[in-house]
Amino acid sequence: VVGMLAGAMAELKVGDPGQLSTDVGPVIDDDALK
């Protein structure tokens, strides 16, 4: 499971949530990021 999880995470695309190809968008603000 851990090996498959690492492989699946390698395929995640982080970026603009307005794009259909994006899997993960930004967090809400600078405080959350910190």
PDB file of all heavy atoms in Angstrom:
ATOM      1  N   VAL A   1       0.832  -1.204   0.000  1.00  0.00           N
ATOM      2  CA  VAL A   1       0.000   0.000   0.000  1.00  0.00           C
ATOM      3  C   VAL A   1       0.864   1.251   0.000  1.00  0.00           C
ATOM      4  O   VAL A   1       0.595   2.213  -0.740  1.00  0.00           O
ATOM      5  CB  VAL A   1      -0.961  -0.002   1.211  1.00  0.00           C
ATOM      6  CG1 VAL A   1      -1.634   1.357   1.376  1.00  0.00           C
ATOM      7  CG2 VAL A   1      -2.014  -1.100   1.063  1.00  0.00           C
ATOM      8  N   VAL A   2       1.904   1.262   0.807  1.00  0.00           N
ATOM      9  CA  VAL A   2       2.792   2.430   0.873  1.00  0.00           C
ATOM     10  C   VAL A   2       3.467   2.662  -0.473  1.00  0.00           C
ATOM     11  O   VAL A   2       3.587   3.812  -0.943  1.00  0.00           O
ATOM     12  CB  VAL A   2       3.828   2.252   2.001  1.00  0.00           C
ATOM     13  CG1 VAL A   2       4.968   3.263   1.863  1.00  0.00           C
ATOM     14  CG2 VAL A   2       3.162   2.395   3.366  1.00  0.00           C
ATOM     15  N   GLY A   3       3.908   1.596  -1.115  1.00  0.00           N
ATOM     16  CA  GLY A   3       4.525   1.747  -2.436  1.00  0.00           C
ATOM     17  C   GLY A   3       3.561   2.285  -3.468  1.00  0.00           C
ATOM     18  O   GLY A   3       3.915   3.166  -4.274  1.00  0.00           O
ATOM     19  N   MET A   4       2.339   1.773  -3.457  1.00  0.00           N
ATOM     20  CA  MET A   4       1.327   2.263  -4.400  1.00  0.00           C
ATOM     21  C   MET A   4       0.943   3.700  -4.093  1.00  0.00           C
ATOM     22  O   MET A   4       0.691   4.499  -5.000  1.00  0.00           O
ATOM     23  CB  MET A   4       0.088   1.364  -4.344  1.00  0.00           C
ATOM     24  CG  MET A   4       0.317  -0.035  -4.895  1.00  0.00           C
ATOM     25  SD  MET A   4      -1.159  -1.070  -4.749  1.00  0.00           S
ATOM     26  CE  MET A   4      -2.262  -0.221  -5.869  1.00  0.00           C
ATOM     27  N   LEU A   5       0.893   4.058  -2.793  1.00  0.00           N
ATOM     28  CA  LEU A   5       0.567   5.427  -2.393  1.00  0.00           C
ATOM     29  C   LEU A   5       1.610   6.406  -2.928  1.00  0.00           C
ATOM     30  O   LEU A   5       1.274   7.464  -3.478  1.00  0.00           O
ATOM     31  CB  LEU A   5       0.489   5.504  -0.873  1.00  0.00           C
ATOM     32  CG  LEU A   5       0.267   6.890  -0.257  1.00  0.00           C
ATOM     33  CD1 LEU A   5      -1.076   7.460  -0.678  1.00  0.00           C
ATOM     34  CD2 LEU A   5       0.356   6.814   1.270  1.00  0.00           C
ATOM     35  N   ALA A   6       2.887   6.044  -2.798  1.00  0.00           N
ATOM     36  CA  ALA A   6       3.959   6.906  -3.313  1.00  0.00           C
ATOM     37  C   ALA A   6       3.849   7.069  -4.824  1.00  0.00           C
ATOM     38  O   ALA A   6       4.020   8.180  -5.369  1.00  0.00           O
ATOM     39  CB  ALA A   6       5.320   6.330  -2.937  1.00  0.00           C
ATOM     40  N   GLY A   7       3.521   5.977  -5.509  1.00  0.00           N
ATOM     41  CA  GLY A   7       3.367   6.057  -6.958  1.00  0.00           C
ATOM     42  C   GLY A   7       2.187   6.926  -7.364  1.00  0.00           C
ATOM     43  O   GLY A   7       2.278   7.717  -8.319  1.00  0.00           O
ATOM     44  N   ALA A   8       1.074   6.804  -6.646  1.00  0.00           N
ATOM     45  CA  ALA A   8      -0.106   7.618  -6.960  1.00  0.00           C
ATOM     46  C   ALA A   8       0.150   9.095  -6.685  1.00  0.00           C
ATOM     47  O   ALA A   8      -0.291   9.965  -7.447  1.00  0.00           O
ATOM     48  CB  ALA A   8      -1.301   7.127  -6.139  1.00  0.00           C
ATOM     49  N   MET A   9       0.876   9.396  -5.611  1.00  0.00           N
ATOM     50  CA  MET A   9       1.170  10.792  -5.290  1.00  0.00           C
ATOM     51  C   MET A   9       2.088  11.428  -6.320  1.00  0.00           C
ATOM     52  O   MET A   9       2.020  12.645  -6.570  1.00  0.00           O
ATOM     53  CB  MET A   9       1.773  10.892  -3.891  1.00  0.00           C
ATOM     54  CG  MET A   9       0.789  10.582  -2.770  1.00  0.00           C
ATOM     55  SD  MET A   9       1.515  10.735  -1.122  1.00  0.00           S
ATOM     56  CE  MET A   9       1.884  12.493  -1.081  1.00  0.00           C
ATOM     57  N   ALA A  10       2.945  10.616  -6.930  1.00  0.00           N
ATOM     58  CA  ALA A  10       3.832  11.142  -7.968  1.00  0.00           C
ATOM     59  C   ALA A  10       3.055  11.619  -9.192  1.00  0.00           C
ATOM     60  O   ALA A  10       3.564  12.428  -9.988  1.00  0.00           O
ATOM     61  CB  ALA A  10       4.852  10.075  -8.365  1.00  0.00           C
ATOM     62  N   GLU A  11       1.820  11.133  -9.337  1.00  0.00           N
ATOM     63  CA  GLU A  11       0.997  11.517 -10.484  1.00  0.00           C
ATOM     64  C   GLU A  11       0.102  12.729 -10.195  1.00  0.00           C
ATOM     65  O   GLU A  11      -0.578  13.222 -11.092  1.00  0.00           O
ATOM     66  CB  GLU A  11       0.110  10.333 -10.900  1.00  0.00           C
ATOM     67  CG  GLU A  11       0.886   9.092 -11.341  1.00  0.00           C
ATOM     68  CD  GLU A  11       1.763   9.388 -12.552  1.00  0.00           C
ATOM     69  OE1 GLU A  11       1.277  10.064 -13.495  1.00  0.00           O
ATOM     70  OE2 GLU A  11       2.930   8.961 -12.543  1.00  0.00           O
ATOM     71  N   LEU A  12       0.062  13.185  -8.946  1.00  0.00           N
ATOM     72  CA  LEU A  12      -0.791  14.325  -8.606  1.00  0.00           C
ATOM     73  C   LEU A  12      -0.275  15.602  -9.270  1.00  0.00           C
ATOM     74  O   LEU A  12       0.924  15.907  -9.219  1.00  0.00           O
ATOM     75  CB  LEU A  12      -0.826  14.535  -7.092  1.00  0.00           C
ATOM     76  CG  LEU A  12      -1.584  13.483  -6.264  1.00  0.00           C
ATOM     77  CD1 LEU A  12      -1.398  13.774  -4.775  1.00  0.00           C
ATOM     78  CD2 LEU A  12      -3.060  13.458  -6.630  1.00  0.00           C
ATOM     79  N   LYS A  13      -1.181  16.349  -9.857  1.00  0.00           N
ATOM     80  CA  LYS A  13      -0.811  17.630 -10.464  1.00  0.00           C
ATOM     81  C   LYS A  13      -1.329  18.750  -9.577  1.00  0.00           C
ATOM     82  O   LYS A  13      -2.538  18.862  -9.329  1.00  0.00           O
ATOM     83  CB  LYS A  13      -1.385  17.756 -11.867  1.00  0.00           C
ATOM     84  CG  LYS A  13      -0.976  19.061 -12.554  1.00  0.00           C
ATOM     85  CD  LYS A  13      -1.415  19.122 -14.003  1.00  0.00           C
ATOM     86  CE  LYS A  13      -0.959  20.438 -14.632  1.00  0.00           C
ATOM     87  NZ  LYS A  13      -1.386  20.550 -16.051  1.00  0.00           N
ATOM     88  N   VAL A  14      -0.425  19.569  -9.088  1.00  0.00           N
ATOM     89  CA  VAL A  14      -0.762  20.696  -8.223  1.00  0.00           C
ATOM     90  C   VAL A  14      -0.743  21.966  -9.048  1.00  0.00           C
ATOM     91  O   VAL A  14       0.216  22.220  -9.788  1.00  0.00           O
ATOM     92  CB  VAL A  14       0.244  20.806  -7.051  1.00  0.00           C
ATOM     93  CG1 VAL A  14      -0.157  21.936  -6.108  1.00  0.00           C
ATOM     94  CG2 VAL A  14       0.342  19.482  -6.298  1.00  0.00           C
ATOM     95  N   GLY A  15      -1.803  22.765  -8.955  1.00  0.00           N
ATOM     96  CA  GLY A  15      -1.841  23.987  -9.740  1.00  0.00           C
ATOM     97  C   GLY A  15      -3.173  24.699  -9.664  1.00  0.00           C
ATOM     98  O   GLY A  15      -3.902  24.590  -8.663  1.00  0.00           O
ATOM     99  N   ASP A  16      -3.492  25.407 -10.720  1.00  0.00           N
ATOM    100  CA  ASP A  16      -4.700  26.220 -10.807  1.00  0.00           C
ATOM    101  C   ASP A  16      -5.941  25.327 -10.743  1.00  0.00           C
ATOM    102  O   ASP A  16      -6.142  24.486 -11.623  1.00  0.00           O
ATOM    103  CB  ASP A  16      -4.678  27.003 -12.123  1.00  0.00           C
ATOM    104  CG  ASP A  16      -5.889  27.912 -12.299  1.00  0.00           C
ATOM    105  OD1 ASP A  16      -6.795  27.896 -11.438  1.00  0.00           O
ATOM    106  OD2 ASP A  16      -5.935  28.641 -13.313  1.00  0.00           O
ATOM    107  N   PRO A  17      -6.795  25.492  -9.719  1.00  0.00           N
ATOM    108  CA  PRO A  17      -7.988  24.639  -9.629  1.00  0.00           C
ATOM    109  C   PRO A  17      -9.002  24.888 -10.734  1.00  0.00           C
ATOM    110  O   PRO A  17      -9.932  24.098 -10.918  1.00  0.00           O
ATOM    111  CB  PRO A  17      -8.572  24.986  -8.252  1.00  0.00           C
ATOM    112  CG  PRO A  17      -8.045  26.347  -7.955  1.00  0.00           C
ATOM    113  CD  PRO A  17      -6.690  26.421  -8.591  1.00  0.00           C
ATOM    114  N   GLY A  18      -8.821  25.961 -11.484  1.00  0.00           N
ATOM    115  CA  GLY A  18      -9.702  26.227 -12.617  1.00  0.00           C
ATOM    116  C   GLY A  18      -9.403  25.354 -13.821  1.00  0.00           C
ATOM    117  O   GLY A  18     -10.204  25.288 -14.762  1.00  0.00           O
ATOM    118  N   GLN A  19      -8.283  24.652 -13.790  1.00  0.00           N
ATOM    119  CA  GLN A  19      -7.902  23.764 -14.879  1.00  0.00           C
ATOM    120  C   GLN A  19      -8.382  22.340 -14.583  1.00  0.00           C
ATOM    121  O   GLN A  19      -8.161  21.825 -13.485  1.00  0.00           O
ATOM    122  CB  GLN A  19      -6.387  23.758 -15.067  1.00  0.00           C
ATOM    123  CG  GLN A  19      -5.794  25.121 -15.392  1.00  0.00           C
ATOM    124  CD  GLN A  19      -6.255  25.627 -16.744  1.00  0.00           C
ATOM    125  OE1 GLN A  19      -6.387  24.865 -17.705  1.00  0.00           O
ATOM    126  NE2 GLN A  19      -6.496  26.931 -16.826  1.00  0.00           N
ATOM    127  N   LEU A  20      -9.022  21.702 -15.545  1.00  0.00           N
ATOM    128  CA  LEU A  20      -9.530  20.341 -15.339  1.00  0.00           C
ATOM    129  C   LEU A  20      -8.417  19.343 -15.049  1.00  0.00           C
ATOM    130  O   LEU A  20      -8.649  18.310 -14.422  1.00  0.00           O
ATOM    131  CB  LEU A  20     -10.334  19.895 -16.562  1.00  0.00           C
ATOM    132  CG  LEU A  20     -11.689  20.579 -16.781  1.00  0.00           C
ATOM    133  CD1 LEU A  20     -12.312  20.115 -18.092  1.00  0.00           C
ATOM    134  CD2 LEU A  20     -12.627  20.304 -15.618  1.00  0.00           C
ATOM    135  N   SER A  21      -7.223  19.626 -15.504  1.00  0.00           N
ATOM    136  CA  SER A  21      -6.105  18.701 -15.301  1.00  0.00           C
ATOM    137  C   SER A  21      -5.526  18.771 -13.886  1.00  0.00           C
ATOM    138  O   SER A  21      -4.724  17.923 -13.497  1.00  0.00           O
ATOM    139  CB  SER A  21      -4.998  19.003 -16.308  1.00  0.00           C
ATOM    140  OG  SER A  21      -4.555  20.347 -16.168  1.00  0.00           O
ATOM    141  N   THR A  22      -5.929  19.762 -13.112  1.00  0.00           N
ATOM    142  CA  THR A  22      -5.383  19.940 -11.764  1.00  0.00           C
ATOM    143  C   THR A  22      -6.043  18.988 -10.775  1.00  0.00           C
ATOM    144  O   THR A  22      -7.263  18.847 -10.751  1.00  0.00           O
ATOM    145  CB  THR A  22      -5.583  21.399 -11.289  1.00  0.00           C
ATOM    146  OG1 THR A  22      -4.828  22.270 -12.141  1.00  0.00           O
ATOM    147  CG2 THR A  22      -5.118  21.577  -9.858  1.00  0.00           C
ATOM    148  N   ASP A  23      -5.233  18.352  -9.946  1.00  0.00           N
ATOM    149  CA  ASP A  23      -5.733  17.475  -8.885  1.00  0.00           C
ATOM    150  C   ASP A  23      -5.812  18.191  -7.542  1.00  0.00           C
ATOM    151  O   ASP A  23      -6.737  17.963  -6.763  1.00  0.00           O
ATOM    152  CB  ASP A  23      -4.821  16.253  -8.731  1.00  0.00           C
ATOM    153  CG  ASP A  23      -4.761  15.405  -9.985  1.00  0.00           C
ATOM    154  OD1 ASP A  23      -5.832  14.982 -10.454  1.00  0.00           O
ATOM    155  OD2 ASP A  23      -3.645  15.170 -10.483  1.00  0.00           O
ATOM    156  N   VAL A  24      -4.835  19.052  -7.257  1.00  0.00           N
ATOM    157  CA  VAL A  24      -4.747  19.718  -5.959  1.00  0.00           C
ATOM    158  C   VAL A  24      -4.477  21.202  -6.180  1.00  0.00           C
ATOM    159  O   VAL A  24      -3.522  21.564  -6.871  1.00  0.00           O
ATOM    160  CB  VAL A  24      -3.620  19.113  -5.084  1.00  0.00           C
ATOM    161  CG1 VAL A  24      -3.551  19.806  -3.728  1.00  0.00           C
ATOM    162  CG2 VAL A  24      -3.830  17.612  -4.904  1.00  0.00           C
ATOM    163  N   GLY A  25      -5.307  22.036  -5.593  1.00  0.00           N
ATOM    164  CA  GLY A  25      -5.135  23.478  -5.715  1.00  0.00           C
ATOM    165  C   GLY A  25      -4.356  24.051  -4.546  1.00  0.00           C
ATOM    166  O   GLY A  25      -3.732  23.319  -3.772  1.00  0.00           O
ATOM    167  N   PRO A  26      -4.395  25.358  -4.367  1.00  0.00           N
ATOM    168  CA  PRO A  26      -3.653  25.999  -3.281  1.00  0.00           C
ATOM    169  C   PRO A  26      -4.371  25.848  -1.941  1.00  0.00           C
ATOM    170  O   PRO A  26      -5.550  25.490  -1.892  1.00  0.00           O
ATOM    171  CB  PRO A  26      -3.618  27.471  -3.701  1.00  0.00           C
ATOM    172  CG  PRO A  26      -4.898  27.652  -4.476  1.00  0.00           C
ATOM    173  CD  PRO A  26      -5.106  26.347  -5.216  1.00  0.00           C
ATOM    174  N   VAL A  27      -3.656  26.120  -0.859  1.00  0.00           N
ATOM    175  CA  VAL A  27      -4.300  26.242   0.447  1.00  0.00           C
ATOM    176  C   VAL A  27      -4.813  27.673   0.583  1.00  0.00           C
ATOM    177  O   VAL A  27      -4.481  28.545  -0.218  1.00  0.00           O
ATOM    178  CB  VAL A  27      -3.353  25.854   1.597  1.00  0.00           C
ATOM    179  CG1 VAL A  27      -2.990  24.382   1.474  1.00  0.00           C
ATOM    180  CG2 VAL A  27      -2.096  26.718   1.622  1.00  0.00           C
ATOM    181  N   ILE A  28      -5.634  27.932   1.582  1.00  0.00           N
ATOM    182  CA  ILE A  28      -6.455  29.130   1.611  1.00  0.00           C
ATOM    183  C   ILE A  28      -5.665  30.433   1.703  1.00  0.00           C
ATOM    184  O   ILE A  28      -5.998  31.409   1.052  1.00  0.00           O
ATOM    185  CB  ILE A  28      -7.501  29.049   2.756  1.00  0.00           C
ATOM    186  CG1 ILE A  28      -8.438  30.253   2.738  1.00  0.00           C
ATOM    187  CG2 ILE A  28      -6.815  28.892   4.098  1.00  0.00           C
ATOM    188  CD1 ILE A  28      -9.310  30.364   1.528  1.00  0.00           C
ATOM    189  N   ASP A  29      -4.592  30.481   2.522  1.00  0.00           N
ATOM    190  CA  ASP A  29      -3.884  31.747   2.693  1.00  0.00           C
ATOM    191  C   ASP A  29      -2.484  31.503   3.257  1.00  0.00           C
ATOM    192  O   ASP A  29      -2.071  30.361   3.498  1.00  0.00           O
ATOM    193  CB  ASP A  29      -4.675  32.722   3.586  1.00  0.00           C
ATOM    194  CG  ASP A  29      -5.035  32.142   4.947  1.00  0.00           C
ATOM    195  OD1 ASP A  29      -4.347  31.203   5.401  1.00  0.00           O
ATOM    196  OD2 ASP A  29      -6.012  32.618   5.569  1.00  0.00           O
ATOM    197  N   ASP A  30      -1.773  32.599   3.490  1.00  0.00           N
ATOM    198  CA  ASP A  30      -0.392  32.512   3.975  1.00  0.00           C
ATOM    199  C   ASP A  30      -0.314  31.892   5.366  1.00  0.00           C
ATOM    200  O   ASP A  30       0.650  31.176   5.682  1.00  0.00           O
ATOM    201  CB  ASP A  30       0.254  33.901   3.985  1.00  0.00           C
ATOM    202  CG  ASP A  30       0.542  34.416   2.585  1.00  0.00           C
ATOM    203  OD1 ASP A  30       0.829  33.585   1.696  1.00  0.00           O
ATOM    204  OD2 ASP A  30       0.474  35.639   2.375  1.00  0.00           O
ATOM    205  N   ASP A  31      -1.302  32.178   6.213  1.00  0.00           N
ATOM    206  CA  ASP A  31      -1.290  31.603   7.557  1.00  0.00           C
ATOM    207  C   ASP A  31      -1.380  30.078   7.497  1.00  0.00           C
ATOM    208  O   ASP A  31      -0.666  29.376   8.229  1.00  0.00           O
ATOM    209  CB  ASP A  31      -2.463  32.157   8.382  1.00  0.00           C
ATOM    210  CG  ASP A  31      -2.274  33.621   8.748  1.00  0.00           C
ATOM    211  OD1 ASP A  31      -1.127  34.094   8.703  1.00  0.00           O
ATOM    212  OD2 ASP A  31      -3.276  34.288   9.068  1.00  0.00           O
ATOM    213  N   ALA A  32      -2.266  29.565   6.647  1.00  0.00           N
ATOM    214  CA  ALA A  32      -2.398  28.116   6.495  1.00  0.00           C
ATOM    215  C   ALA A  32      -1.114  27.517   5.942  1.00  0.00           C
ATOM    216  O   ALA A  32      -0.659  26.447   6.393  1.00  0.00           O
ATOM    217  CB  ALA A  32      -3.575  27.787   5.576  1.00  0.00           C
ATOM    218  N   LEU A  33      -0.514  28.172   4.970  1.00  0.00           N
ATOM    219  CA  LEU A  33       0.733  27.682   4.372  1.00  0.00           C
ATOM    220  C   LEU A  33       1.849  27.620   5.416  1.00  0.00           C
ATOM    221  O   LEU A  33       2.633  26.662   5.450  1.00  0.00           O
ATOM    222  CB  LEU A  33       1.131  28.589   3.208  1.00  0.00           C
ATOM    223  CG  LEU A  33       2.397  28.200   2.449  1.00  0.00           C
ATOM    224  CD1 LEU A  33       2.268  26.804   1.845  1.00  0.00           C
ATOM    225  CD2 LEU A  33       2.694  29.233   1.352  1.00  0.00           C
ATOM    226  N   LYS A  34       1.895  28.610   6.284  1.00  0.00           N
ATOM    227  CA  LYS A  34       2.933  28.652   7.327  1.00  0.00           C
ATOM    228  C   LYS A  34       2.779  27.473   8.292  1.00  0.00           C
ATOM    229  O   LYS A  34       3.756  26.806   8.648  1.00  0.00           O
ATOM    230  CB  LYS A  34       2.838  29.978   8.086  1.00  0.00           C
ATOM    231  CG  LYS A  34       3.870  30.156   9.196  1.00  0.00           C
ATOM    232  CD  LYS A  34       3.761  31.559   9.793  1.00  0.00           C
ATOM    233  CE  LYS A  34       4.822  31.793  10.883  1.00  0.00           C
ATOM    234  NZ  LYS A  34       4.566  30.989  12.088  1.00  0.00           N
TER     235      LYS A  34
END
